[in-house]
């Protein structure tokens, strides 16, 4: 009888251990499945958001076509407006893949939709290595921080060039006239000193020295 009770006790413990292990396995499997579903929805959120962001840019370009001197952006009042014919910029008005509900809209001062974001504040799995069009998502820790709009922080903004006044033509420099030099002398090239004028005929290198005397015949006056 005592042995039978011990056997029943061991069987009960084994059953309880099996139930606990099964519970842990189910819990782990549920978490893994939840993570798989979240990753799929996260990837869809990224794809749909980029598609809407691109559609906003296309829509604005279409609306501005033919408008002279207009440099701002033109946005739709609803997402359905992006999918309208004859030139739809979006295939359909998607819902938020994370919540399955409407997006949280980002609006401009006039109330038009310039972007969308998820209402979910859950932490995303992906937090780096985003596509270039949304590379500013790096480091963000909430789906609600993923703002898909046009223009956005990942789009380089080209400054509007300001018109400049035409340059005034510069008059060519006129050569400075030089005073004519004495006959027989050449004008020295720029940067050189003029040559020393030659001494008068019959003089020596010393201007103070009198002209030389030529002796005359004996008894006659000296011939200069």
C-alpha atoms as a PDB file:
ATOM      1  CA  UNK A   1       0.000   0.000   0.000  1.00  0.00           C
ATOM      2  CA  UNK A   2       2.805   2.399   0.891  1.00  0.00           C
ATOM      3  CA  UNK A   3       4.563   1.644  -2.401  1.00  0.00           C
ATOM      4  CA  UNK A   4       1.378   2.322  -4.354  1.00  0.00           C
ATOM      5  CA  UNK A   5       0.995   5.704  -2.718  1.00  0.00           C
ATOM      6  CA  UNK A   6       4.568   6.616  -3.559  1.00  0.00           C
ATOM      7  CA  UNK A   7       3.994   5.606  -7.175  1.00  0.00           C
ATOM      8  CA  UNK A   8       0.872   7.770  -7.374  1.00  0.00           C
ATOM      9  CA  UNK A   9       2.785  10.686  -5.868  1.00  0.00           C
ATOM     10  CA  UNK A  10       5.570  10.393  -8.437  1.00  0.00           C
ATOM     11  CA  UNK A  11       3.023  10.157 -11.277  1.00  0.00           C
ATOM     12  CA  UNK A  12       1.266  13.263 -10.022  1.00  0.00           C
ATOM     13  CA  UNK A  13       4.529  15.194  -9.912  1.00  0.00           C
ATOM     14  CA  UNK A  14       5.404  14.088 -13.423  1.00  0.00           C
ATOM     15  CA  UNK A  15       1.994  15.186 -14.707  1.00  0.00           C
ATOM     16  CA  UNK A  16       2.339  18.571 -13.023  1.00  0.00           C
ATOM     17  CA  UNK A  17       5.838  19.017 -14.469  1.00  0.00           C
ATOM     18  CA  UNK A  18       4.540  18.140 -17.933  1.00  0.00           C
ATOM     19  CA  UNK A  19       1.732  20.688 -17.571  1.00  0.00           C
ATOM     20  CA  UNK A  20       4.215  23.369 -16.509  1.00  0.00           C
ATOM     21  CA  UNK A  21       6.541  22.583 -19.401  1.00  0.00           C
ATOM     22  CA  UNK A  22       3.651  22.656 -21.845  1.00  0.00           C
ATOM     23  CA  UNK A  23       2.548  25.986 -20.451  1.00  0.00           C
ATOM     24  CA  UNK A  24       6.037  27.418 -20.864  1.00  0.00           C
ATOM     25  CA  UNK A  25       6.240  26.066 -24.405  1.00  0.00           C
ATOM     26  CA  UNK A  26       2.877  27.550 -25.309  1.00  0.00           C
ATOM     27  CA  UNK A  27       3.880  30.897 -23.800  1.00  0.00           C
ATOM     28  CA  UNK A  28       7.162  30.975 -25.705  1.00  0.00           C
ATOM     29  CA  UNK A  29       5.421  29.955 -28.913  1.00  0.00           C
ATOM     30  CA  UNK A  30       2.808  32.669 -28.400  1.00  0.00           C
ATOM     31  CA  UNK A  31       5.502  35.304 -27.883  1.00  0.00           C
ATOM     32  CA  UNK A  32       7.363  34.127 -30.950  1.00  0.00           C
ATOM     33  CA  UNK A  33       4.178  34.172 -33.007  1.00  0.00           C
ATOM     34  CA  UNK A  34       3.354  37.645 -31.724  1.00  0.00           C
ATOM     35  CA  UNK A  35       6.828  38.825 -32.708  1.00  0.00           C
ATOM     36  CA  UNK A  36       6.427  37.316 -36.172  1.00  0.00           C
ATOM     37  CA  UNK A  37       3.094  39.069 -36.668  1.00  0.00           C
ATOM     38  CA  UNK A  38       4.511  42.365 -35.418  1.00  0.00           C
ATOM     39  CA  UNK A  39       7.489  42.131 -37.759  1.00  0.00           C
ATOM     40  CA  UNK A  40       5.186  41.515 -40.711  1.00  0.00           C
ATOM     41  CA  UNK A  41       2.977  44.462 -39.809  1.00  0.00           C
ATOM     42  CA  UNK A  42       6.053  46.607 -39.214  1.00  0.00           C
ATOM     43  CA  UNK A  43       7.375  45.820 -42.692  1.00  0.00           C
ATOM     44  CA  UNK A  44       3.969  46.612 -44.162  1.00  0.00           C
ATOM     45  CA  UNK A  45       3.845  49.886 -42.229  1.00  0.00           C
ATOM     46  CA  UNK A  46       7.188  50.904 -43.686  1.00  0.00           C
ATOM     47  CA  UNK A  47       6.171  49.971 -47.240  1.00  0.00           C
ATOM     48  CA  UNK A  48       2.729  51.615 -47.088  1.00  0.00           C
ATOM     49  CA  UNK A  49       4.075  54.727 -45.398  1.00  0.00           C
ATOM     50  CA  UNK A  50       6.770  55.244 -48.036  1.00  0.00           C
ATOM     51  CA  UNK A  51       4.166  54.709 -50.755  1.00  0.00           C
ATOM     52  CA  UNK A  52       1.915  57.379 -49.261  1.00  0.00           C
ATOM     53  CA  UNK A  53       4.866  59.725 -48.811  1.00  0.00           C
ATOM     54  CA  UNK A  54       5.786  59.306 -52.487  1.00  0.00           C
ATOM     55  CA  UNK A  55       2.160  59.787 -53.536  1.00  0.00           C
ATOM     56  CA  UNK A  56       2.023  63.101 -51.671  1.00  0.00           C
ATOM     57  CA  UNK A  57       5.059  64.319 -53.614  1.00  0.00           C
ATOM     58  CA  UNK A  58       3.549  63.198 -56.941  1.00  0.00           C
ATOM     59  CA  UNK A  59       0.188  64.788 -56.117  1.00  0.00           C
ATOM     60  CA  UNK A  60       1.814  68.102 -55.221  1.00  0.00           C
ATOM     61  CA  UNK A  61       3.850  68.109 -58.437  1.00  0.00           C
ATOM     62  CA  UNK A  62       0.717  67.403 -60.481  1.00  0.00           C
ATOM     63  CA  UNK A  63      -1.218  70.222 -58.809  1.00  0.00           C
ATOM     64  CA  UNK A  64       1.606  72.740 -59.250  1.00  0.00           C
ATOM     65  CA  UNK A  65       2.048  71.944 -62.936  1.00  0.00           C
ATOM     66  CA  UNK A  66       1.395  75.047 -65.003  1.00  0.00           C
ATOM     67  CA  UNK A  67       1.366  77.436 -62.042  1.00  0.00           C
ATOM     68  CA  UNK A  68       3.956  80.109 -62.644  1.00  0.00           C
ATOM     69  CA  UNK A  69       5.802  81.536 -59.642  1.00  0.00           C
ATOM     70  CA  UNK A  70       4.296  79.065 -57.114  1.00  0.00           C
ATOM     71  CA  UNK A  71       7.001  77.491 -54.923  1.00  0.00           C
ATOM     72  CA  UNK A  72       4.964  75.899 -52.086  1.00  0.00           C
ATOM     73  CA  UNK A  73       3.400  72.430 -51.775  1.00  0.00           C
ATOM     74  CA  UNK A  74      -0.229  71.459 -52.451  1.00  0.00           C
ATOM     75  CA  UNK A  75      -1.706  68.636 -50.352  1.00  0.00           C
ATOM     76  CA  UNK A  76      -4.975  66.642 -50.508  1.00  0.00           C
ATOM     77  CA  UNK A  77      -7.829  66.896 -48.037  1.00  0.00           C
ATOM     78  CA  UNK A  78      -8.157  63.079 -47.778  1.00  0.00           C
ATOM     79  CA  UNK A  79      -6.101  60.024 -48.722  1.00  0.00           C
ATOM     80  CA  UNK A  80      -8.910  58.950 -51.047  1.00  0.00           C
ATOM     81  CA  UNK A  81      -8.113  62.030 -53.122  1.00  0.00           C
ATOM     82  CA  UNK A  82      -4.672  60.554 -53.863  1.00  0.00           C
ATOM     83  CA  UNK A  83      -6.264  57.444 -55.399  1.00  0.00           C
ATOM     84  CA  UNK A  84      -8.720  59.261 -57.673  1.00  0.00           C
ATOM     85  CA  UNK A  85      -8.634  58.962 -61.430  1.00  0.00           C
ATOM     86  CA  UNK A  86      -7.549  59.906 -64.059  1.00  0.00           C
ATOM     87  CA  UNK A  87      -4.024  60.238 -62.641  1.00  0.00           C
ATOM     88  CA  UNK A  88      -4.016  58.437 -59.272  1.00  0.00           C
ATOM     89  CA  UNK A  89      -0.892  58.979 -57.203  1.00  0.00           C
ATOM     90  CA  UNK A  90      -1.800  56.109 -54.814  1.00  0.00           C
ATOM     91  CA  UNK A  91      -3.256  52.667 -55.583  1.00  0.00           C
ATOM     92  CA  UNK A  92      -5.693  52.811 -52.661  1.00  0.00           C
ATOM     93  CA  UNK A  93      -6.258  54.633 -49.383  1.00  0.00           C
ATOM     94  CA  UNK A  94      -4.477  52.240 -47.018  1.00  0.00           C
ATOM     95  CA  UNK A  95      -5.178  51.857 -43.320  1.00  0.00           C
ATOM     96  CA  UNK A  96      -2.568  51.834 -40.567  1.00  0.00           C
ATOM     97  CA  UNK A  97      -1.119  48.281 -40.737  1.00  0.00           C
ATOM     98  CA  UNK A  98      -0.224  48.248 -37.035  1.00  0.00           C
ATOM     99  CA  UNK A  99      -3.648  49.177 -35.639  1.00  0.00           C
ATOM    100  CA  UNK A 100      -5.827  48.311 -38.634  1.00  0.00           C
ATOM    101  CA  UNK A 101      -7.504  51.695 -38.176  1.00  0.00           C
ATOM    102  CA  UNK A 102      -7.107  55.160 -39.684  1.00  0.00           C
ATOM    103  CA  UNK A 103      -3.778  56.904 -39.573  1.00  0.00           C
ATOM    104  CA  UNK A 104      -2.884  59.834 -37.393  1.00  0.00           C
ATOM    105  CA  UNK A 105      -2.682  62.644 -39.947  1.00  0.00           C
ATOM    106  CA  UNK A 106      -0.067  65.364 -40.100  1.00  0.00           C
ATOM    107  CA  UNK A 107      -1.694  68.493 -41.504  1.00  0.00           C
ATOM    108  CA  UNK A 108      -0.442  71.780 -42.873  1.00  0.00           C
ATOM    109  CA  UNK A 109      -1.721  75.190 -41.629  1.00  0.00           C
ATOM    110  CA  UNK A 110      -4.687  74.975 -44.023  1.00  0.00           C
ATOM    111  CA  UNK A 111      -5.804  71.575 -42.688  1.00  0.00           C
ATOM    112  CA  UNK A 112      -4.655  69.502 -45.661  1.00  0.00           C
ATOM    113  CA  UNK A 113      -2.820  66.192 -45.210  1.00  0.00           C
ATOM    114  CA  UNK A 114       0.946  66.527 -45.590  1.00  0.00           C
ATOM    115  CA  UNK A 115       1.815  63.212 -43.913  1.00  0.00           C
ATOM    116  CA  UNK A 116       0.668  60.178 -41.907  1.00  0.00           C
ATOM    117  CA  UNK A 117       1.886  58.292 -38.841  1.00  0.00           C
ATOM    118  CA  UNK A 118       0.746  55.248 -36.887  1.00  0.00           C
ATOM    119  CA  UNK A 119      -1.307  55.717 -33.727  1.00  0.00           C
ATOM    120  CA  UNK A 120       0.575  52.844 -32.108  1.00  0.00           C
ATOM    121  CA  UNK A 121       3.302  53.741 -29.620  1.00  0.00           C
ATOM    122  CA  UNK A 122       4.765  50.231 -29.479  1.00  0.00           C
ATOM    123  CA  UNK A 123       8.509  49.845 -29.860  1.00  0.00           C
ATOM    124  CA  UNK A 124       9.564  48.716 -33.346  1.00  0.00           C
ATOM    125  CA  UNK A 125      12.038  45.920 -33.972  1.00  0.00           C
ATOM    126  CA  UNK A 126      13.764  47.901 -36.704  1.00  0.00           C
ATOM    127  CA  UNK A 127      15.625  50.940 -35.379  1.00  0.00           C
ATOM    128  CA  UNK A 128      18.458  51.387 -37.904  1.00  0.00           C
ATOM    129  CA  UNK A 129      19.470  50.798 -41.540  1.00  0.00           C
ATOM    130  CA  UNK A 130      16.317  52.362 -42.984  1.00  0.00           C
ATOM    131  CA  UNK A 131      15.898  53.142 -46.718  1.00  0.00           C
ATOM    132  CA  UNK A 132      17.363  56.495 -47.827  1.00  0.00           C
ATOM    133  CA  UNK A 133      13.924  58.154 -48.151  1.00  0.00           C
ATOM    134  CA  UNK A 134      13.278  57.599 -44.410  1.00  0.00           C
ATOM    135  CA  UNK A 135      16.799  57.368 -43.009  1.00  0.00           C
ATOM    136  CA  UNK A 136      15.837  59.922 -40.343  1.00  0.00           C
ATOM    137  CA  UNK A 137      13.928  57.067 -38.608  1.00  0.00           C
ATOM    138  CA  UNK A 138      17.233  55.741 -37.240  1.00  0.00           C
ATOM    139  CA  UNK A 139      17.109  55.562 -33.442  1.00  0.00           C
ATOM    140  CA  UNK A 140      13.343  56.206 -33.077  1.00  0.00           C
ATOM    141  CA  UNK A 141      11.726  53.942 -30.466  1.00  0.00           C
ATOM    142  CA  UNK A 142       8.017  54.253 -31.309  1.00  0.00           C
ATOM    143  CA  UNK A 143       5.890  53.609 -34.386  1.00  0.00           C
ATOM    144  CA  UNK A 144       4.184  56.908 -33.682  1.00  0.00           C
ATOM    145  CA  UNK A 145       7.522  58.649 -34.334  1.00  0.00           C
ATOM    146  CA  UNK A 146       7.665  57.294 -37.882  1.00  0.00           C
ATOM    147  CA  UNK A 147       6.237  60.267 -39.788  1.00  0.00           C
ATOM    148  CA  UNK A 148       5.774  59.708 -43.512  1.00  0.00           C
ATOM    149  CA  UNK A 149       5.393  63.149 -45.041  1.00  0.00           C
ATOM    150  CA  UNK A 150       6.488  65.334 -47.940  1.00  0.00           C
ATOM    151  CA  UNK A 151       8.929  66.943 -47.671  1.00  0.00           C
ATOM    152  CA  UNK A 152      10.697  65.199 -44.777  1.00  0.00           C
ATOM    153  CA  UNK A 153      14.018  65.275 -42.938  1.00  0.00           C
ATOM    154  CA  UNK A 154      15.543  62.717 -45.332  1.00  0.00           C
ATOM    155  CA  UNK A 155      14.769  64.785 -48.433  1.00  0.00           C
ATOM    156  CA  UNK A 156      17.444  67.371 -49.251  1.00  0.00           C
ATOM    157  CA  UNK A 157      15.929  70.819 -49.610  1.00  0.00           C
ATOM    158  CA  UNK A 158      17.174  72.917 -52.525  1.00  0.00           C
ATOM    159  CA  UNK A 159      17.273  76.633 -51.634  1.00  0.00           C
ATOM    160  CA  UNK A 160      15.467  78.960 -53.999  1.00  0.00           C
ATOM    161  CA  UNK A 161      17.998  80.975 -55.994  1.00  0.00           C
ATOM    162  CA  UNK A 162      17.644  84.736 -55.679  1.00  0.00           C
ATOM    163  CA  UNK A 163      17.934  86.793 -58.898  1.00  0.00           C
ATOM    164  CA  UNK A 164      21.136  88.792 -59.121  1.00  0.00           C
ATOM    165  CA  UNK A 165      21.742  92.115 -60.882  1.00  0.00           C
ATOM    166  CA  UNK A 166      23.714  91.837 -64.123  1.00  0.00           C
ATOM    167  CA  UNK A 167      27.351  92.807 -63.823  1.00  0.00           C
ATOM    168  CA  UNK A 168      28.284  96.228 -65.180  1.00  0.00           C
ATOM    169  CA  UNK A 169      30.875  96.194 -67.996  1.00  0.00           C
ATOM    170  CA  UNK A 170      34.249  97.524 -66.970  1.00  0.00           C
ATOM    171  CA  UNK A 171      35.838 100.176 -69.216  1.00  0.00           C
ATOM    172  CA  UNK A 172      39.249  99.104 -70.538  1.00  0.00           C
ATOM    173  CA  UNK A 173      42.205 100.853 -68.976  1.00  0.00           C
ATOM    174  CA  UNK A 174      43.585 103.703 -71.063  1.00  0.00           C
ATOM    175  CA  UNK A 175      47.373 103.983 -71.446  1.00  0.00           C
ATOM    176  CA  UNK A 176      48.931 106.994 -69.740  1.00  0.00           C
ATOM    177  CA  UNK A 177      50.519 109.368 -72.301  1.00  0.00           C
ATOM    178  CA  UNK A 178      54.196 110.071 -71.748  1.00  0.00           C
ATOM    179  CA  UNK A 179      55.960 113.364 -72.363  1.00  0.00           C
ATOM    180  CA  UNK A 180      58.270 113.242 -75.367  1.00  0.00           C
ATOM    181  CA  UNK A 181      61.951 113.097 -74.504  1.00  0.00           C
ATOM    182  CA  UNK A 182      64.759 115.143 -76.058  1.00  0.00           C
ATOM    183  CA  UNK A 183      65.723 114.340 -79.628  1.00  0.00           C
ATOM    184  CA  UNK A 184      68.073 111.468 -80.000  1.00  0.00           C
ATOM    185  CA  UNK A 185      67.007 109.775 -76.739  1.00  0.00           C
ATOM    186  CA  UNK A 186      64.891 106.688 -76.464  1.00  0.00           C
ATOM    187  CA  UNK A 187      62.183 106.348 -73.889  1.00  0.00           C
ATOM    188  CA  UNK A 188      63.371 103.759 -71.346  1.00  0.00           C
ATOM    189  CA  UNK A 189      61.155 100.772 -70.682  1.00  0.00           C
ATOM    190  CA  UNK A 190      59.008 100.860 -67.506  1.00  0.00           C
ATOM    191  CA  UNK A 191      60.962 100.310 -64.300  1.00  0.00           C
ATOM    192  CA  UNK A 192      64.338 101.531 -65.680  1.00  0.00           C
ATOM    193  CA  UNK A 193      65.947 104.905 -64.983  1.00  0.00           C
ATOM    194  CA  UNK A 194      66.450 107.220 -67.973  1.00  0.00           C
ATOM    195  CA  UNK A 195      70.013 107.359 -69.303  1.00  0.00           C
ATOM    196  CA  UNK A 196      72.269 110.269 -68.421  1.00  0.00           C
ATOM    197  CA  UNK A 197      72.280 112.808 -71.253  1.00  0.00           C
ATOM    198  CA  UNK A 198      75.619 113.062 -73.093  1.00  0.00           C
ATOM    199  CA  UNK A 199      77.928 115.987 -72.420  1.00  0.00           C
ATOM    200  CA  UNK A 200      78.078 118.787 -74.962  1.00  0.00           C
ATOM    201  CA  UNK A 201      80.674 118.455 -77.679  1.00  0.00           C
ATOM    202  CA  UNK A 202      84.098 119.629 -76.572  1.00  0.00           C
ATOM    203  CA  UNK A 203      83.579 119.119 -72.833  1.00  0.00           C
ATOM    204  CA  UNK A 204      84.905 116.514 -70.459  1.00  0.00           C
ATOM    205  CA  UNK A 205      83.118 114.420 -67.958  1.00  0.00           C
ATOM    206  CA  UNK A 206      83.398 117.306 -65.413  1.00  0.00           C
ATOM    207  CA  UNK A 207      80.850 120.029 -66.226  1.00  0.00           C
ATOM    208  CA  UNK A 208      82.841 122.606 -64.207  1.00  0.00           C
ATOM    209  CA  UNK A 209      86.018 122.140 -66.265  1.00  0.00           C
ATOM    210  CA  UNK A 210      86.556 124.774 -68.990  1.00  0.00           C
ATOM    211  CA  UNK A 211      86.952 123.714 -72.596  1.00  0.00           C
ATOM    212  CA  UNK A 212      90.441 122.679 -73.661  1.00  0.00           C
ATOM    213  CA  UNK A 213      92.686 125.304 -75.360  1.00  0.00           C
ATOM    214  CA  UNK A 214      94.422 124.628 -78.672  1.00  0.00           C
ATOM    215  CA  UNK A 215      97.899 126.270 -78.821  1.00  0.00           C
ATOM    216  CA  UNK A 216      98.329 128.808 -81.593  1.00  0.00           C
ATOM    217  CA  UNK A 217     101.274 129.710 -83.703  1.00  0.00           C
ATOM    218  CA  UNK A 218     104.163 131.462 -81.929  1.00  0.00           C
ATOM    219  CA  UNK A 219     103.454 135.103 -81.320  1.00  0.00           C
ATOM    220  CA  UNK A 220      99.756 134.787 -82.072  1.00  0.00           C
ATOM    221  CA  UNK A 221      96.804 134.570 -79.718  1.00  0.00           C
ATOM    222  CA  UNK A 222      95.603 131.300 -78.418  1.00  0.00           C
ATOM    223  CA  UNK A 223      92.947 129.662 -80.511  1.00  0.00           C
ATOM    224  CA  UNK A 224      90.108 128.394 -78.478  1.00  0.00           C
END
